Amino acid sequence: MNIPRLSTGDMLRSAVEAGTPLGQQAKSIMDAGGLVPDEVINKLMLARVGEPDCSRGFLLDGFPRTIPQAKFLLDSGPGIDLVLELDVDDEILVKRLSGRRIHPASGRVYHLEHNPPKVTDRDDETGEPLVQRDDDAEATVRNRLAVYHEQTKPLIDFFRRALETQQIGGYTRLDAAPAVEEVRTTMAALLAKHK
């Protein structure tokens, strides 16, 4: 679609890596699987959507995660064309996330089951070691899911009501349990309809 994917997780990890004050503040919270405070995330996201590459649209990934963030987005943001609810069982998510491995220098992503490296725990291109991010460790993933059920899952009803009151352009629930390629194809078709 040639629009940027805005991931608060990526933005925060960049801030952590750069050692910015926001990054230092966020690191301990993220490592424990918690959520960075709404006011910090809201400012970060509002500044990002105001950048020139977002003028033709963007895809939000990991934002909003709380009702206050969603209210902020509806009140301050550029409008929402479509909300996609990716529905998948917790145990599938634990397996997917805890199996993820990263090549730190390039950002290449592997998965022990779905996209394994040619040589176990080694990057295909450089042969350098792969790492598991702290927030992908199984215990942290389970904590993230507990936080999701408490703070983020209520967004389902919030956005359904926002659709009823025409505050957003569309809302679709997508079964995200099938294989990645199948989910990606279905998602791309949904996004193309709302372009």
Protein backbone atom coordinates (compact mmCIF):
# COMPACT_ATOMS: atom_id res chain seq x y z
CA MET A 1 0.00 0.00 0.00
CA ASN A 2 3.09 2.21 0.13
CA ILE A 3 2.18 3.71 3.50
CA PRO A 4 4.26 3.50 6.68
CA ARG A 5 3.57 0.92 9.36
CA LEU A 6 3.78 2.72 12.69
CA SER A 7 4.69 0.38 15.51
CA THR A 8 4.91 1.86 18.97
CA GLY A 9 6.97 -1.17 19.95
CA ASP A 10 9.52 -0.43 17.21
CA MET A 11 9.57 3.26 18.14
CA LEU A 12 10.13 2.45 21.80
CA ARG A 13 12.81 -0.16 21.08
CA SER A 14 14.63 2.44 18.95
CA ALA A 15 14.45 4.90 21.83
CA VAL A 16 15.80 2.23 24.21
CA GLU A 17 18.65 1.39 21.83
CA ALA A 18 19.49 5.07 21.38
CA GLY A 19 19.50 5.55 25.16
CA THR A 20 17.10 8.48 25.04
CA PRO A 21 15.37 9.55 28.26
CA LEU A 22 12.13 8.04 26.94
CA GLY A 23 14.02 4.85 26.09
CA GLN A 24 15.51 4.59 29.56
CA GLN A 25 12.10 5.18 31.12
CA ALA A 26 10.45 2.59 28.89
CA LYS A 27 13.10 -0.15 29.10
CA SER A 28 12.30 -1.50 32.55
CA ILE A 29 8.56 -1.40 31.86
CA MET A 30 8.91 -3.17 28.50
CA ASP A 31 11.30 -5.82 29.84
CA ALA A 32 8.67 -6.76 32.42
CA GLY A 33 5.96 -6.94 29.75
CA GLY A 34 4.15 -3.83 31.00
CA LEU A 35 2.72 -0.94 29.04
CA VAL A 36 4.47 2.43 28.79
CA PRO A 37 2.19 5.20 30.20
CA ASP A 38 -0.48 6.49 27.83
CA GLU A 39 0.65 10.12 27.90
CA VAL A 40 4.14 9.12 26.67
CA ILE A 41 2.80 6.88 23.90
CA ASN A 42 0.19 9.45 22.84
CA LYS A 43 2.83 12.17 22.40
CA LEU A 44 5.13 9.80 20.54
CA MET A 45 2.37 8.69 18.16
CA LEU A 46 0.91 12.15 17.54
CA ALA A 47 4.35 13.45 16.58
CA ARG A 48 4.91 10.48 14.27
CA VAL A 49 1.61 10.73 12.36
CA GLY A 50 2.41 14.39 11.69
CA GLU A 51 5.51 13.49 9.68
CA PRO A 52 5.37 13.91 5.87
CA ASP A 53 5.47 10.19 5.03
CA CYS A 54 2.11 9.75 6.82
CA SER A 55 0.28 12.30 4.66
CA ARG A 56 -1.20 9.56 2.41
CA GLY A 57 -2.12 7.30 5.31
CA PHE A 58 -0.49 4.82 7.68
CA LEU A 59 -1.04 1.53 9.44
CA LEU A 60 -1.00 1.56 13.24
CA ASP A 61 0.55 -1.49 14.90
CA GLY A 62 0.36 -1.74 18.68
CA PHE A 63 -1.55 1.51 19.11
CA PRO A 64 -3.94 2.19 20.70
CA ARG A 65 -3.68 -0.37 23.48
CA THR A 66 -5.88 1.27 26.10
CA ILE A 67 -9.22 3.10 26.16
CA PRO A 68 -7.50 6.45 27.00
CA GLN A 69 -5.17 5.99 24.01
CA ALA A 70 -8.14 5.20 21.76
CA LYS A 71 -10.05 8.26 22.99
CA PHE A 72 -6.94 10.38 22.40
CA LEU A 73 -6.66 8.97 18.87
CA LEU A 74 -10.29 9.71 18.03
CA ASP A 75 -10.08 13.23 19.52
CA SER A 76 -6.63 14.21 18.22
CA GLY A 77 -5.79 11.94 15.34
CA PRO A 78 -6.37 12.17 11.61
CA GLY A 79 -9.32 9.76 11.59
CA ILE A 80 -9.57 5.98 11.35
CA ASP A 81 -10.62 4.25 8.14
CA LEU A 82 -10.61 0.68 9.46
CA VAL A 83 -9.96 -1.21 12.68
CA LEU A 84 -8.86 -4.83 12.25
CA GLU A 85 -9.28 -7.10 15.26
CA LEU A 86 -6.80 -9.97 14.95
CA ASP A 87 -8.38 -12.76 16.99
CA VAL A 88 -6.14 -15.64 18.07
CA ASP A 89 -5.94 -17.99 21.05
CA ASP A 90 -3.47 -17.07 23.81
CA GLU A 91 -1.55 -20.36 23.57
CA ILE A 92 -0.97 -19.84 19.85
CA LEU A 93 0.35 -16.34 20.60
CA VAL A 94 2.70 -17.65 23.29
CA LYS A 95 4.11 -20.17 20.83
CA ARG A 96 4.42 -17.60 18.04
CA LEU A 97 6.07 -14.88 20.12
CA SER A 98 8.38 -17.05 22.21
CA GLY A 99 9.63 -18.74 19.02
CA ARG A 100 10.71 -15.46 17.44
CA ARG A 101 14.43 -14.76 17.01
CA ILE A 102 16.07 -11.55 15.78
CA HIS A 103 19.35 -10.71 14.07
CA PRO A 104 20.16 -7.52 16.02
CA ALA A 105 22.39 -5.85 13.42
CA SER A 106 19.91 -6.10 10.52
CA GLY A 107 16.54 -6.55 12.23
CA ARG A 108 15.89 -9.76 10.26
CA VAL A 109 13.24 -11.83 12.01
CA TYR A 110 13.13 -15.62 12.18
CA HIS A 111 10.82 -18.07 13.89
CA LEU A 112 11.85 -21.46 15.22
CA GLU A 113 8.84 -23.12 13.53
CA HIS A 114 7.43 -20.79 10.87
CA ASN A 115 10.60 -19.19 9.44
CA PRO A 116 13.61 -21.05 10.85
CA PRO A 117 17.15 -20.02 9.98
CA LYS A 118 19.14 -22.42 7.79
CA VAL A 119 21.51 -23.03 10.71
CA THR A 120 20.01 -23.13 14.20
CA ASP A 121 20.34 -19.80 16.05
CA ARG A 122 22.42 -18.22 13.22
CA ASP A 123 21.52 -15.48 10.75
CA ASP A 124 21.21 -16.82 7.21
CA GLU A 125 23.23 -14.00 5.64
CA THR A 126 25.99 -13.33 8.16
CA GLY A 127 26.14 -16.45 10.32
CA GLU A 128 26.01 -14.20 13.39
CA PRO A 129 24.05 -15.31 16.46
CA LEU A 130 20.31 -14.70 16.68
CA VAL A 131 18.76 -13.47 19.91
CA GLN A 132 15.41 -13.71 21.61
CA ARG A 133 14.21 -10.27 22.68
CA ASP A 134 13.53 -9.98 26.40
CA ASP A 135 9.87 -9.20 25.67
CA ASP A 136 9.55 -12.46 23.66
CA ALA A 137 10.51 -14.74 26.58
CA GLU A 138 7.57 -17.00 27.46
CA ALA A 139 7.03 -15.58 30.97
CA THR A 140 7.05 -12.03 29.59
CA VAL A 141 4.66 -12.99 26.78
CA ARG A 142 2.24 -14.47 29.31
CA ASN A 143 2.44 -11.27 31.37
CA ARG A 144 1.83 -9.20 28.21
CA LEU A 145 -1.28 -11.30 27.52
CA ALA A 146 -2.58 -10.74 31.05
CA VAL A 147 -2.09 -6.98 30.54
CA TYR A 148 -3.82 -7.29 27.14
CA HIS A 149 -6.90 -8.94 28.65
CA GLU A 150 -7.11 -6.30 31.35
CA GLN A 151 -6.32 -3.12 29.40
CA THR A 152 -6.54 -3.75 25.65
CA LYS A 153 -9.35 -6.25 25.09
CA PRO A 154 -11.96 -3.63 26.12
CA LEU A 155 -11.00 -1.80 22.88
CA ILE A 156 -13.07 -4.37 20.97
CA ASP A 157 -16.31 -2.99 22.40
CA PHE A 158 -14.98 0.58 22.29
CA PHE A 159 -14.32 0.43 18.54
CA ARG A 160 -17.55 -1.42 17.80
CA ARG A 161 -19.40 1.46 19.48
CA ALA A 162 -17.23 3.95 17.56
CA LEU A 163 -18.36 2.27 14.33
CA GLU A 164 -22.02 2.50 15.37
CA THR A 165 -21.58 6.23 16.02
CA GLN A 166 -19.62 6.67 12.77
CA GLN A 167 -16.43 7.79 14.52
CA ILE A 168 -14.48 5.22 12.46
CA GLY A 169 -14.93 4.03 8.89
CA GLY A 170 -15.04 0.28 9.50
CA TYR A 171 -14.42 -2.57 11.92
CA THR A 172 -13.60 -6.16 11.00
CA ARG A 173 -12.71 -9.19 13.11
CA LEU A 174 -10.11 -11.41 11.44
CA ASP A 175 -9.30 -14.96 12.55
CA ALA A 176 -5.52 -14.80 12.93
CA ALA A 177 -5.03 -18.45 13.90
CA PRO A 178 -4.32 -19.75 10.35
CA ALA A 179 -0.88 -19.66 8.76
CA VAL A 180 0.80 -16.26 8.45
CA GLU A 181 0.50 -16.14 4.64
CA GLU A 182 -3.24 -16.84 4.77
CA VAL A 183 -3.82 -14.14 7.38
CA ARG A 184 -1.62 -11.70 5.43
CA THR A 185 -3.59 -12.33 2.20
CA THR A 186 -6.93 -11.85 3.94
CA MET A 187 -5.69 -8.72 5.69
CA ALA A 188 -4.33 -7.22 2.46
CA ALA A 189 -7.68 -7.76 0.74
CA LEU A 190 -9.52 -6.07 3.62
CA LEU A 191 -7.12 -3.12 3.61
CA ALA A 192 -7.37 -2.74 -0.16
CA LYS A 193 -11.15 -2.38 0.12
CA HIS A 194 -10.74 0.50 2.59
CA LYS A 195 -7.93 2.28 0.79
